[in-house]
N, C-alpha and C. Protein backbone atom coordinates (compact mmCIF):
# COMPACT_ATOMS: atom_id res chain seq x y z
N UNK A 1 -45.36 -21.08 -13.26
CA UNK A 1 -44.27 -20.11 -13.15
C UNK A 1 -43.62 -19.97 -14.53
N UNK A 2 -43.37 -18.73 -14.94
CA UNK A 2 -42.74 -18.50 -16.25
C UNK A 2 -41.28 -18.90 -16.21
N UNK A 3 -40.68 -19.07 -17.40
CA UNK A 3 -39.25 -19.42 -17.49
C UNK A 3 -38.38 -18.35 -16.84
N UNK A 4 -38.76 -17.09 -17.06
CA UNK A 4 -37.97 -15.99 -16.49
C UNK A 4 -38.00 -16.03 -14.96
N UNK A 5 -39.15 -16.25 -14.41
CA UNK A 5 -39.27 -16.33 -12.95
C UNK A 5 -38.50 -17.52 -12.41
N UNK A 6 -38.48 -18.62 -13.14
CA UNK A 6 -37.74 -19.81 -12.71
C UNK A 6 -36.24 -19.55 -12.69
N UNK A 7 -35.74 -18.82 -13.68
CA UNK A 7 -34.31 -18.51 -13.74
C UNK A 7 -33.91 -17.61 -12.57
N UNK A 8 -34.76 -16.67 -12.22
CA UNK A 8 -34.42 -15.69 -11.19
C UNK A 8 -34.76 -16.15 -9.77
N UNK A 9 -35.43 -17.26 -9.64
CA UNK A 9 -35.77 -17.73 -8.31
C UNK A 9 -34.50 -18.08 -7.53
N UNK A 10 -34.32 -17.55 -6.31
CA UNK A 10 -33.10 -17.78 -5.54
C UNK A 10 -32.78 -19.24 -5.27
N UNK A 11 -33.76 -20.14 -5.29
CA UNK A 11 -33.46 -21.54 -5.03
C UNK A 11 -33.12 -22.30 -6.32
N UNK A 12 -33.11 -21.63 -7.42
CA UNK A 12 -32.78 -22.24 -8.71
C UNK A 12 -31.26 -22.37 -8.85
N UNK A 13 -30.79 -23.51 -9.32
CA UNK A 13 -29.34 -23.75 -9.46
C UNK A 13 -28.69 -22.80 -10.45
N UNK A 14 -29.40 -22.50 -11.56
CA UNK A 14 -28.85 -21.56 -12.56
C UNK A 14 -28.66 -20.17 -11.96
N UNK A 15 -29.60 -19.77 -11.12
CA UNK A 15 -29.49 -18.48 -10.43
C UNK A 15 -28.25 -18.46 -9.54
N UNK A 16 -28.04 -19.52 -8.79
CA UNK A 16 -26.90 -19.59 -7.87
C UNK A 16 -25.58 -19.54 -8.63
N UNK A 17 -25.51 -20.23 -9.76
CA UNK A 17 -24.30 -20.21 -10.59
C UNK A 17 -24.06 -18.80 -11.14
N UNK A 18 -25.13 -18.19 -11.64
CA UNK A 18 -25.02 -16.83 -12.18
C UNK A 18 -24.57 -15.86 -11.09
N UNK A 19 -25.16 -15.95 -9.92
CA UNK A 19 -24.79 -15.07 -8.81
C UNK A 19 -23.32 -15.26 -8.43
N UNK A 20 -22.88 -16.51 -8.36
CA UNK A 20 -21.47 -16.78 -8.04
C UNK A 20 -20.55 -16.21 -9.10
N UNK A 21 -20.91 -16.34 -10.37
CA UNK A 21 -20.10 -15.77 -11.45
C UNK A 21 -20.02 -14.26 -11.35
N UNK A 22 -21.15 -13.62 -11.08
CA UNK A 22 -21.17 -12.16 -10.96
C UNK A 22 -20.35 -11.69 -9.77
N UNK A 23 -20.43 -12.40 -8.67
CA UNK A 23 -19.62 -12.05 -7.50
C UNK A 23 -18.13 -12.16 -7.83
N UNK A 24 -17.74 -13.19 -8.57
CA UNK A 24 -16.33 -13.36 -8.96
C UNK A 24 -15.88 -12.23 -9.87
N UNK A 25 -16.75 -11.81 -10.78
CA UNK A 25 -16.41 -10.70 -11.69
C UNK A 25 -16.23 -9.40 -10.91
N UNK A 26 -17.14 -9.14 -9.98
CA UNK A 26 -17.04 -7.92 -9.16
C UNK A 26 -15.77 -7.95 -8.31
N UNK A 27 -15.50 -9.08 -7.68
CA UNK A 27 -14.30 -9.19 -6.83
C UNK A 27 -13.04 -9.00 -7.66
N UNK A 28 -13.00 -9.57 -8.84
CA UNK A 28 -11.85 -9.42 -9.72
C UNK A 28 -11.67 -7.96 -10.13
N UNK A 29 -12.77 -7.32 -10.47
CA UNK A 29 -12.71 -5.90 -10.84
C UNK A 29 -12.25 -5.03 -9.70
N UNK A 30 -12.74 -5.33 -8.50
CA UNK A 30 -12.31 -4.56 -7.33
C UNK A 30 -10.82 -4.75 -7.07
N UNK A 31 -10.34 -5.98 -7.24
CA UNK A 31 -8.91 -6.24 -7.04
C UNK A 31 -8.05 -5.48 -8.03
N UNK A 32 -8.46 -5.48 -9.29
CA UNK A 32 -7.71 -4.75 -10.32
C UNK A 32 -7.78 -3.25 -10.08
N UNK A 33 -8.95 -2.77 -9.66
CA UNK A 33 -9.09 -1.34 -9.36
C UNK A 33 -8.21 -0.94 -8.18
N UNK A 34 -8.20 -1.76 -7.13
CA UNK A 34 -7.36 -1.46 -5.96
C UNK A 34 -5.89 -1.45 -6.34
N UNK A 35 -5.46 -2.40 -7.18
CA UNK A 35 -4.06 -2.44 -7.60
C UNK A 35 -3.71 -1.21 -8.44
N UNK A 36 -4.62 -0.81 -9.33
CA UNK A 36 -4.38 0.38 -10.15
C UNK A 36 -4.33 1.64 -9.30
N UNK A 37 -5.23 1.73 -8.33
CA UNK A 37 -5.25 2.89 -7.43
C UNK A 37 -3.97 2.93 -6.62
N UNK A 38 -3.55 1.78 -6.09
CA UNK A 38 -2.33 1.72 -5.30
C UNK A 38 -1.13 2.18 -6.13
N UNK A 39 -1.03 1.69 -7.36
CA UNK A 39 0.08 2.09 -8.23
C UNK A 39 0.06 3.59 -8.48
N UNK A 40 -1.11 4.15 -8.69
CA UNK A 40 -1.22 5.59 -8.93
C UNK A 40 -0.87 6.39 -7.68
N UNK A 41 -1.32 5.93 -6.52
CA UNK A 41 -1.01 6.61 -5.25
C UNK A 41 0.49 6.61 -5.00
N UNK A 42 1.12 5.45 -5.13
CA UNK A 42 2.56 5.33 -4.89
C UNK A 42 3.33 6.20 -5.87
N UNK A 43 2.96 6.18 -7.14
CA UNK A 43 3.65 7.00 -8.15
C UNK A 43 3.46 8.49 -7.85
N UNK A 44 2.28 8.87 -7.43
CA UNK A 44 2.00 10.27 -7.10
C UNK A 44 2.85 10.72 -5.92
N UNK A 45 2.89 9.92 -4.87
CA UNK A 45 3.67 10.28 -3.68
C UNK A 45 5.15 10.34 -4.01
N UNK A 46 5.64 9.43 -4.84
CA UNK A 46 7.05 9.44 -5.24
C UNK A 46 7.36 10.72 -6.01
N UNK A 47 6.48 11.10 -6.94
CA UNK A 47 6.70 12.32 -7.74
C UNK A 47 6.63 13.58 -6.89
N UNK A 48 5.73 13.59 -5.91
CA UNK A 48 5.67 14.74 -4.99
C UNK A 48 6.98 14.84 -4.21
N UNK A 49 7.46 13.71 -3.71
CA UNK A 49 8.73 13.71 -2.99
C UNK A 49 9.87 14.17 -3.87
N UNK A 50 9.89 13.69 -5.11
CA UNK A 50 10.93 14.10 -6.06
C UNK A 50 10.89 15.61 -6.29
N UNK A 51 9.70 16.15 -6.47
CA UNK A 51 9.56 17.59 -6.75
C UNK A 51 9.99 18.43 -5.55
N UNK A 52 9.68 17.98 -4.35
CA UNK A 52 10.10 18.72 -3.15
C UNK A 52 11.62 18.73 -3.05
N UNK A 53 12.24 17.57 -3.27
CA UNK A 53 13.71 17.48 -3.20
C UNK A 53 14.34 18.35 -4.30
N UNK A 54 13.78 18.34 -5.48
CA UNK A 54 14.30 19.19 -6.56
C UNK A 54 14.22 20.66 -6.18
N UNK A 55 13.12 21.06 -5.57
CA UNK A 55 12.97 22.46 -5.15
C UNK A 55 13.99 22.81 -4.07
N UNK A 56 14.24 21.89 -3.15
CA UNK A 56 15.23 22.13 -2.10
C UNK A 56 16.63 22.25 -2.70
N UNK A 57 16.97 21.36 -3.62
CA UNK A 57 18.31 21.36 -4.20
C UNK A 57 18.53 22.57 -5.11
N UNK A 58 17.47 23.09 -5.68
CA UNK A 58 17.58 24.27 -6.53
C UNK A 58 17.63 25.55 -5.68
N UNK A 59 17.52 25.39 -4.37
CA UNK A 59 17.58 26.54 -3.48
C UNK A 59 16.30 27.35 -3.46
N UNK A 60 15.20 26.75 -3.90
CA UNK A 60 13.93 27.47 -3.94
C UNK A 60 13.42 27.78 -2.54
N UNK A 61 13.81 26.98 -1.57
CA UNK A 61 13.55 27.37 -0.20
C UNK A 61 14.74 26.96 0.65
N UNK A 62 15.23 27.91 1.38
CA UNK A 62 16.42 27.73 2.21
C UNK A 62 16.06 27.02 3.52
N UNK A 63 17.07 26.60 4.22
CA UNK A 63 16.88 25.81 5.45
C UNK A 63 15.92 26.49 6.43
N UNK A 64 16.10 27.76 6.66
CA UNK A 64 15.27 28.47 7.63
C UNK A 64 13.82 28.54 7.18
N UNK A 65 13.61 28.61 5.88
CA UNK A 65 12.26 28.74 5.36
C UNK A 65 11.69 27.40 4.89
N UNK A 66 12.54 26.37 4.80
CA UNK A 66 12.10 25.08 4.29
C UNK A 66 10.96 24.48 5.07
N UNK A 67 11.09 24.48 6.39
CA UNK A 67 10.04 23.91 7.24
C UNK A 67 8.75 24.70 7.08
N UNK A 68 8.90 26.00 7.02
CA UNK A 68 7.72 26.85 6.86
C UNK A 68 7.07 26.63 5.50
N UNK A 69 7.90 26.47 4.47
CA UNK A 69 7.37 26.24 3.13
C UNK A 69 6.59 24.94 3.08
N UNK A 70 7.13 23.87 3.67
CA UNK A 70 6.40 22.60 3.69
C UNK A 70 5.10 22.73 4.48
N UNK A 71 5.13 23.49 5.56
CA UNK A 71 3.92 23.71 6.34
C UNK A 71 2.86 24.44 5.51
N UNK A 72 3.29 25.47 4.79
CA UNK A 72 2.36 26.23 3.95
C UNK A 72 1.83 25.36 2.80
N UNK A 73 2.72 24.60 2.17
CA UNK A 73 2.28 23.70 1.10
C UNK A 73 1.29 22.66 1.65
N UNK A 74 1.61 22.13 2.82
CA UNK A 74 0.73 21.14 3.45
C UNK A 74 -0.64 21.70 3.74
N UNK A 75 -0.67 22.93 4.24
CA UNK A 75 -1.96 23.56 4.52
C UNK A 75 -2.77 23.76 3.25
N UNK A 76 -2.12 24.27 2.21
CA UNK A 76 -2.81 24.53 0.94
C UNK A 76 -3.32 23.23 0.31
N UNK A 77 -2.46 22.22 0.26
CA UNK A 77 -2.86 20.95 -0.35
C UNK A 77 -3.91 20.22 0.48
N UNK A 78 -3.82 20.35 1.80
CA UNK A 78 -4.81 19.71 2.67
C UNK A 78 -6.20 20.31 2.47
N UNK A 79 -6.24 21.60 2.31
CA UNK A 79 -7.53 22.24 2.07
C UNK A 79 -8.14 21.76 0.76
N UNK A 80 -7.28 21.56 -0.21
CA UNK A 80 -7.75 21.16 -1.53
C UNK A 80 -8.01 19.66 -1.67
N UNK A 81 -7.12 18.83 -1.08
CA UNK A 81 -7.18 17.39 -1.32
C UNK A 81 -7.38 16.54 -0.07
N UNK A 82 -7.41 17.12 1.09
CA UNK A 82 -7.62 16.35 2.31
C UNK A 82 -6.35 16.19 3.12
N UNK A 83 -6.52 15.63 4.32
CA UNK A 83 -5.41 15.59 5.27
C UNK A 83 -4.25 14.69 4.84
N UNK A 84 -4.44 13.88 3.82
CA UNK A 84 -3.36 13.03 3.32
C UNK A 84 -2.22 13.83 2.69
N UNK A 85 -2.39 15.14 2.60
CA UNK A 85 -1.35 15.98 2.00
C UNK A 85 -0.87 17.05 2.98
N UNK A 86 -1.04 16.80 4.27
CA UNK A 86 -0.57 17.72 5.30
C UNK A 86 0.96 17.72 5.34
N UNK A 87 1.51 18.62 6.11
CA UNK A 87 2.97 18.77 6.19
C UNK A 87 3.66 17.44 6.53
N UNK A 88 3.15 16.71 7.50
CA UNK A 88 3.79 15.44 7.87
C UNK A 88 3.77 14.46 6.70
N UNK A 89 2.70 14.45 5.95
CA UNK A 89 2.62 13.57 4.78
C UNK A 89 3.61 14.00 3.71
N UNK A 90 3.74 15.30 3.50
CA UNK A 90 4.72 15.79 2.52
C UNK A 90 6.14 15.42 2.94
N UNK A 91 6.41 15.48 4.22
CA UNK A 91 7.74 15.06 4.71
C UNK A 91 7.96 13.57 4.45
N UNK A 92 6.92 12.77 4.64
CA UNK A 92 7.03 11.34 4.37
C UNK A 92 7.25 11.08 2.88
N UNK A 93 6.58 11.84 2.03
CA UNK A 93 6.76 11.69 0.58
C UNK A 93 8.18 12.09 0.16
N UNK A 94 8.68 13.14 0.78
CA UNK A 94 10.06 13.56 0.54
C UNK A 94 11.02 12.45 0.95
N UNK A 95 10.79 11.86 2.12
CA UNK A 95 11.63 10.77 2.60
C UNK A 95 11.49 9.54 1.70
N UNK A 96 10.32 9.30 1.18
CA UNK A 96 10.07 8.19 0.27
C UNK A 96 10.97 8.32 -0.96
N UNK A 97 11.00 9.51 -1.53
CA UNK A 97 11.85 9.73 -2.70
C UNK A 97 13.34 9.58 -2.34
N UNK A 98 13.73 10.11 -1.20
CA UNK A 98 15.13 10.00 -0.80
C UNK A 98 15.53 8.55 -0.51
N UNK A 99 14.60 7.77 0.02
CA UNK A 99 14.86 6.37 0.33
C UNK A 99 14.85 5.51 -0.93
N UNK A 100 13.97 5.84 -1.86
CA UNK A 100 13.84 5.09 -3.12
C UNK A 100 14.02 6.05 -4.29
N UNK A 101 15.25 6.54 -4.53
CA UNK A 101 15.44 7.56 -5.57
C UNK A 101 15.26 7.02 -6.99
N UNK A 102 15.27 5.72 -7.15
CA UNK A 102 15.06 5.13 -8.48
C UNK A 102 13.64 4.55 -8.49
N UNK A 103 12.80 5.12 -9.31
CA UNK A 103 11.39 4.74 -9.31
C UNK A 103 11.16 3.26 -9.58
N UNK A 104 12.03 2.63 -10.35
CA UNK A 104 11.85 1.21 -10.66
C UNK A 104 12.13 0.33 -9.44
N UNK A 105 12.74 0.88 -8.39
CA UNK A 105 13.00 0.12 -7.17
C UNK A 105 11.75 0.04 -6.28
N UNK A 106 10.74 0.81 -6.62
CA UNK A 106 9.50 0.82 -5.85
C UNK A 106 8.67 -0.39 -6.27
N UNK A 107 8.26 -1.18 -5.29
CA UNK A 107 7.53 -2.43 -5.54
C UNK A 107 6.02 -2.17 -5.62
N UNK A 108 5.42 -2.55 -6.71
CA UNK A 108 3.98 -2.32 -6.88
C UNK A 108 3.14 -3.18 -5.95
N UNK A 109 3.72 -4.24 -5.39
CA UNK A 109 2.98 -5.13 -4.50
C UNK A 109 2.74 -4.52 -3.13
N UNK A 110 3.48 -3.46 -2.81
CA UNK A 110 3.40 -2.86 -1.48
C UNK A 110 2.62 -1.56 -1.53
N UNK A 111 1.86 -1.32 -0.48
CA UNK A 111 1.09 -0.08 -0.38
C UNK A 111 1.89 0.97 0.40
N UNK A 112 1.33 2.15 0.48
CA UNK A 112 1.97 3.25 1.19
C UNK A 112 2.20 2.89 2.66
N UNK A 113 1.32 2.12 3.25
CA UNK A 113 1.49 1.71 4.64
C UNK A 113 2.79 0.94 4.81
N UNK A 114 3.07 0.02 3.89
CA UNK A 114 4.32 -0.75 3.96
C UNK A 114 5.52 0.18 3.85
N UNK A 115 5.48 1.11 2.91
CA UNK A 115 6.62 2.01 2.72
C UNK A 115 6.84 2.89 3.94
N UNK A 116 5.76 3.30 4.61
CA UNK A 116 5.91 4.07 5.84
C UNK A 116 6.67 3.29 6.90
N UNK A 117 6.45 1.99 6.95
CA UNK A 117 7.16 1.13 7.89
C UNK A 117 8.60 0.92 7.44
N UNK A 118 8.78 0.59 6.18
CA UNK A 118 10.12 0.26 5.66
C UNK A 118 11.07 1.44 5.65
N UNK A 119 10.57 2.65 5.46
CA UNK A 119 11.44 3.83 5.39
C UNK A 119 12.16 4.11 6.71
N UNK A 120 11.66 3.55 7.80
CA UNK A 120 12.30 3.77 9.11
C UNK A 120 13.53 2.90 9.30
N UNK A 121 13.76 1.95 8.40
CA UNK A 121 14.84 0.98 8.56
C UNK A 121 16.06 1.37 7.74
N UNK A 122 17.24 0.87 8.16
CA UNK A 122 18.43 1.06 7.34
C UNK A 122 18.32 0.18 6.09
N UNK A 123 19.20 0.43 5.12
CA UNK A 123 19.12 -0.22 3.81
C UNK A 123 19.09 -1.75 3.88
N UNK A 124 19.99 -2.37 4.64
CA UNK A 124 20.05 -3.83 4.71
C UNK A 124 18.77 -4.42 5.30
N UNK A 125 18.32 -3.85 6.39
CA UNK A 125 17.09 -4.35 7.03
C UNK A 125 15.90 -4.10 6.12
N UNK A 126 15.86 -2.94 5.48
CA UNK A 126 14.75 -2.62 4.59
C UNK A 126 14.67 -3.63 3.45
N UNK A 127 15.82 -3.93 2.81
CA UNK A 127 15.84 -4.91 1.72
C UNK A 127 15.37 -6.27 2.20
N UNK A 128 15.84 -6.68 3.36
CA UNK A 128 15.47 -7.98 3.94
C UNK A 128 13.96 -8.08 4.15
N UNK A 129 13.40 -7.10 4.87
CA UNK A 129 11.97 -7.16 5.19
C UNK A 129 11.10 -6.91 3.97
N UNK A 130 11.54 -6.06 3.08
CA UNK A 130 10.76 -5.80 1.87
C UNK A 130 10.63 -7.08 1.04
N UNK A 131 11.73 -7.79 0.87
CA UNK A 131 11.70 -9.04 0.11
C UNK A 131 10.79 -10.07 0.75
N UNK A 132 10.88 -10.21 2.07
CA UNK A 132 10.03 -11.18 2.77
C UNK A 132 8.56 -10.77 2.73
N UNK A 133 8.29 -9.48 2.86
CA UNK A 133 6.90 -9.02 2.83
C UNK A 133 6.25 -9.33 1.49
N UNK A 134 7.02 -9.15 0.41
CA UNK A 134 6.48 -9.44 -0.92
C UNK A 134 6.36 -10.94 -1.15
N UNK A 135 7.44 -11.67 -0.91
CA UNK A 135 7.42 -13.11 -1.19
C UNK A 135 6.48 -13.86 -0.26
N UNK A 136 6.37 -13.41 0.98
CA UNK A 136 5.49 -14.05 1.95
C UNK A 136 4.08 -13.50 1.94
N UNK A 137 3.86 -12.45 1.14
CA UNK A 137 2.55 -11.80 1.04
C UNK A 137 2.04 -11.40 2.44
N UNK A 138 2.95 -10.79 3.21
CA UNK A 138 2.62 -10.38 4.56
C UNK A 138 1.68 -9.19 4.56
N UNK A 139 0.86 -9.10 5.56
CA UNK A 139 0.08 -7.89 5.81
C UNK A 139 1.04 -6.86 6.42
N UNK A 140 0.64 -5.62 6.46
CA UNK A 140 1.50 -4.61 7.09
C UNK A 140 1.66 -4.89 8.58
N UNK A 141 0.64 -5.45 9.20
CA UNK A 141 0.75 -5.82 10.62
C UNK A 141 1.76 -6.93 10.83
N UNK A 142 1.76 -7.90 9.91
CA UNK A 142 2.74 -8.99 9.99
C UNK A 142 4.14 -8.43 9.82
N UNK A 143 4.32 -7.49 8.90
CA UNK A 143 5.62 -6.86 8.69
C UNK A 143 6.08 -6.18 9.98
N UNK A 144 5.19 -5.42 10.61
CA UNK A 144 5.52 -4.76 11.89
C UNK A 144 5.91 -5.79 12.95
N UNK A 145 5.14 -6.88 13.04
CA UNK A 145 5.44 -7.91 14.04
C UNK A 145 6.82 -8.51 13.82
N UNK A 146 7.15 -8.79 12.56
CA UNK A 146 8.44 -9.41 12.26
C UNK A 146 9.59 -8.45 12.55
N UNK A 147 9.39 -7.18 12.27
CA UNK A 147 10.42 -6.18 12.59
C UNK A 147 10.59 -6.09 14.10
N UNK A 148 9.47 -6.02 14.81
CA UNK A 148 9.53 -5.92 16.27
C UNK A 148 10.11 -7.17 16.92
N UNK A 149 9.96 -8.31 16.27
CA UNK A 149 10.52 -9.55 16.82
C UNK A 149 12.00 -9.70 16.46
N UNK A 150 12.52 -8.72 15.73
CA UNK A 150 13.93 -8.69 15.34
C UNK A 150 14.32 -9.89 14.48
N UNK A 151 13.45 -10.23 13.55
CA UNK A 151 13.69 -11.36 12.65
C UNK A 151 15.01 -11.20 11.89
N UNK A 152 15.30 -10.00 11.43
CA UNK A 152 16.54 -9.75 10.68
C UNK A 152 17.76 -10.10 11.55
N UNK A 153 17.74 -9.62 12.77
CA UNK A 153 18.86 -9.87 13.67
C UNK A 153 18.97 -11.37 14.00
N UNK A 154 17.83 -12.01 14.21
CA UNK A 154 17.85 -13.44 14.50
C UNK A 154 18.37 -14.23 13.30
N UNK A 155 17.96 -13.84 12.12
CA UNK A 155 18.43 -14.53 10.90
C UNK A 155 19.92 -14.31 10.70
N UNK A 156 20.39 -13.10 10.98
CA UNK A 156 21.81 -12.79 10.80
C UNK A 156 22.68 -13.57 11.77
N UNK A 157 22.16 -13.85 12.95
CA UNK A 157 22.94 -14.55 13.97
C UNK A 157 22.68 -16.06 14.01
N UNK A 158 21.75 -16.51 13.22
CA UNK A 158 21.40 -17.92 13.24
C UNK A 158 22.37 -18.73 12.38
N UNK A 159 22.88 -19.79 12.96
CA UNK A 159 23.72 -20.70 12.18
C UNK A 159 22.86 -21.74 11.49
N UNK A 160 21.63 -21.82 11.94
CA UNK A 160 20.71 -22.78 11.35
C UNK A 160 19.59 -22.01 10.65
N UNK A 161 19.93 -21.35 9.55
CA UNK A 161 18.95 -20.51 8.87
C UNK A 161 17.79 -21.32 8.30
N UNK A 162 18.01 -22.57 7.96
CA UNK A 162 16.92 -23.40 7.45
C UNK A 162 15.86 -23.61 8.53
N UNK A 163 16.30 -23.80 9.78
CA UNK A 163 15.35 -23.96 10.87
C UNK A 163 14.58 -22.66 11.11
N UNK A 164 15.26 -21.52 10.99
CA UNK A 164 14.62 -20.24 11.16
C UNK A 164 13.59 -20.01 10.06
N UNK A 165 13.91 -20.39 8.84
CA UNK A 165 12.99 -20.21 7.72
C UNK A 165 11.68 -20.93 7.98
N UNK A 166 11.73 -22.05 8.69
CA UNK A 166 10.53 -22.80 9.01
C UNK A 166 9.60 -22.08 9.97
N UNK A 167 10.11 -21.05 10.65
CA UNK A 167 9.28 -20.32 11.60
C UNK A 167 8.57 -19.14 10.95
N UNK A 168 8.88 -18.85 9.70
CA UNK A 168 8.26 -17.72 9.02
C UNK A 168 6.83 -18.06 8.63
N UNK A 169 5.96 -17.04 8.54
CA UNK A 169 4.58 -17.29 8.13
C UNK A 169 4.55 -17.87 6.71
N UNK A 170 3.59 -18.72 6.48
CA UNK A 170 3.43 -19.33 5.16
C UNK A 170 3.07 -18.27 4.13
N UNK A 171 3.43 -18.53 2.89
CA UNK A 171 3.14 -17.59 1.82
C UNK A 171 1.64 -17.35 1.75
N UNK A 172 1.26 -16.08 1.66
CA UNK A 172 -0.14 -15.71 1.54
C UNK A 172 -0.93 -15.79 2.82
N UNK A 173 -0.26 -16.03 3.94
CA UNK A 173 -0.97 -16.27 5.19
C UNK A 173 -1.78 -15.07 5.66
N UNK A 174 -1.22 -13.85 5.53
CA UNK A 174 -1.92 -12.72 6.12
C UNK A 174 -2.05 -11.51 5.21
N UNK A 175 -1.56 -11.55 4.01
CA UNK A 175 -1.53 -10.37 3.16
C UNK A 175 -2.93 -9.82 2.88
N UNK A 176 -3.17 -8.61 3.30
CA UNK A 176 -4.36 -7.83 3.01
C UNK A 176 -5.66 -8.52 3.43
N UNK A 177 -5.61 -9.42 4.37
CA UNK A 177 -6.82 -10.07 4.85
C UNK A 177 -7.60 -9.10 5.71
N UNK A 178 -8.80 -8.80 5.32
CA UNK A 178 -9.67 -7.97 6.15
C UNK A 178 -9.33 -6.50 6.16
N UNK A 179 -8.46 -6.07 5.27
CA UNK A 179 -8.15 -4.64 5.25
C UNK A 179 -7.99 -4.18 3.82
N UNK A 180 -8.30 -2.94 3.62
CA UNK A 180 -8.13 -2.35 2.31
C UNK A 180 -7.04 -1.30 2.42
N UNK A 181 -6.02 -1.35 1.57
CA UNK A 181 -4.95 -0.38 1.69
C UNK A 181 -5.42 1.03 1.38
N UNK A 182 -6.45 1.14 0.59
CA UNK A 182 -6.99 2.45 0.25
C UNK A 182 -8.51 2.37 0.31
N UNK A 183 -9.14 3.36 0.89
CA UNK A 183 -10.58 3.29 1.12
C UNK A 183 -11.39 3.59 -0.13
N UNK A 184 -11.37 2.71 -1.13
CA UNK A 184 -12.18 2.86 -2.31
C UNK A 184 -12.99 1.60 -2.51
N UNK A 185 -14.17 1.77 -3.05
CA UNK A 185 -15.04 0.63 -3.28
C UNK A 185 -15.55 0.73 -4.70
N UNK A 186 -15.51 -0.37 -5.44
CA UNK A 186 -16.00 -0.39 -6.80
C UNK A 186 -17.51 -0.44 -6.74
N UNK A 187 -18.16 0.61 -7.22
CA UNK A 187 -19.61 0.67 -7.22
C UNK A 187 -20.13 0.65 -8.64
N UNK A 188 -21.36 0.96 -8.81
CA UNK A 188 -21.99 0.94 -10.13
C UNK A 188 -21.38 2.03 -11.01
N UNK A 189 -20.58 1.66 -11.98
CA UNK A 189 -19.98 2.53 -12.99
C UNK A 189 -18.92 3.50 -12.49
N UNK A 190 -18.57 3.48 -11.23
CA UNK A 190 -17.55 4.42 -10.76
C UNK A 190 -16.98 3.96 -9.43
N UNK A 191 -15.89 4.60 -9.05
CA UNK A 191 -15.30 4.32 -7.75
C UNK A 191 -15.88 5.31 -6.74
N UNK A 192 -16.29 4.78 -5.62
CA UNK A 192 -16.81 5.61 -4.54
C UNK A 192 -15.84 5.57 -3.38
N UNK A 193 -15.53 6.70 -2.81
CA UNK A 193 -14.68 6.73 -1.62
C UNK A 193 -15.50 6.26 -0.44
N UNK A 194 -14.97 5.30 0.30
CA UNK A 194 -15.66 4.75 1.46
C UNK A 194 -15.35 5.63 2.67
N UNK A 195 -16.38 6.02 3.39
CA UNK A 195 -16.20 6.84 4.60
C UNK A 195 -15.86 5.93 5.76
N UNK A 196 -14.80 6.27 6.50
CA UNK A 196 -14.41 5.46 7.65
C UNK A 196 -14.52 6.27 8.90
């Protein structure tokens, strides 16, 4: 057997080390790509929300025509960019900007799914759950569960907050396990959109 064949043989230890190294490089690249994509998506949605609010405040579309204008914009953008830009999505982006009017308050650790959940809450509850979701590295499902279990209310009424803290999920327990916040996959030399 030649040296080259020995190196590439699957039962060779050098091959296994090389394969493990390459897998780590790919995984690292995918993680960085996903984080960059998430940051770009969040920034884009925030800017769209900002632009819609600016148009409303400038009187570019009045109350009676506002809903119709968003519907028309949603239809046009959906045809061009997909259903992620439909009227309901534009309304969510508008709400995103109104909820987080200072762009630096937007957390890069959270995806659009998290913001969709958090925007439904009042300011105090939103701050509470947002901080825990980031520090605890919760998945969006874990965030929903904690909101539904009324963790904020239990913590506010608990005289033994240290005991309550012990019931929280451990750091990193569920964050992004088995789910991708955005359907992109790092392929050979480019990003490919994954069909779901």
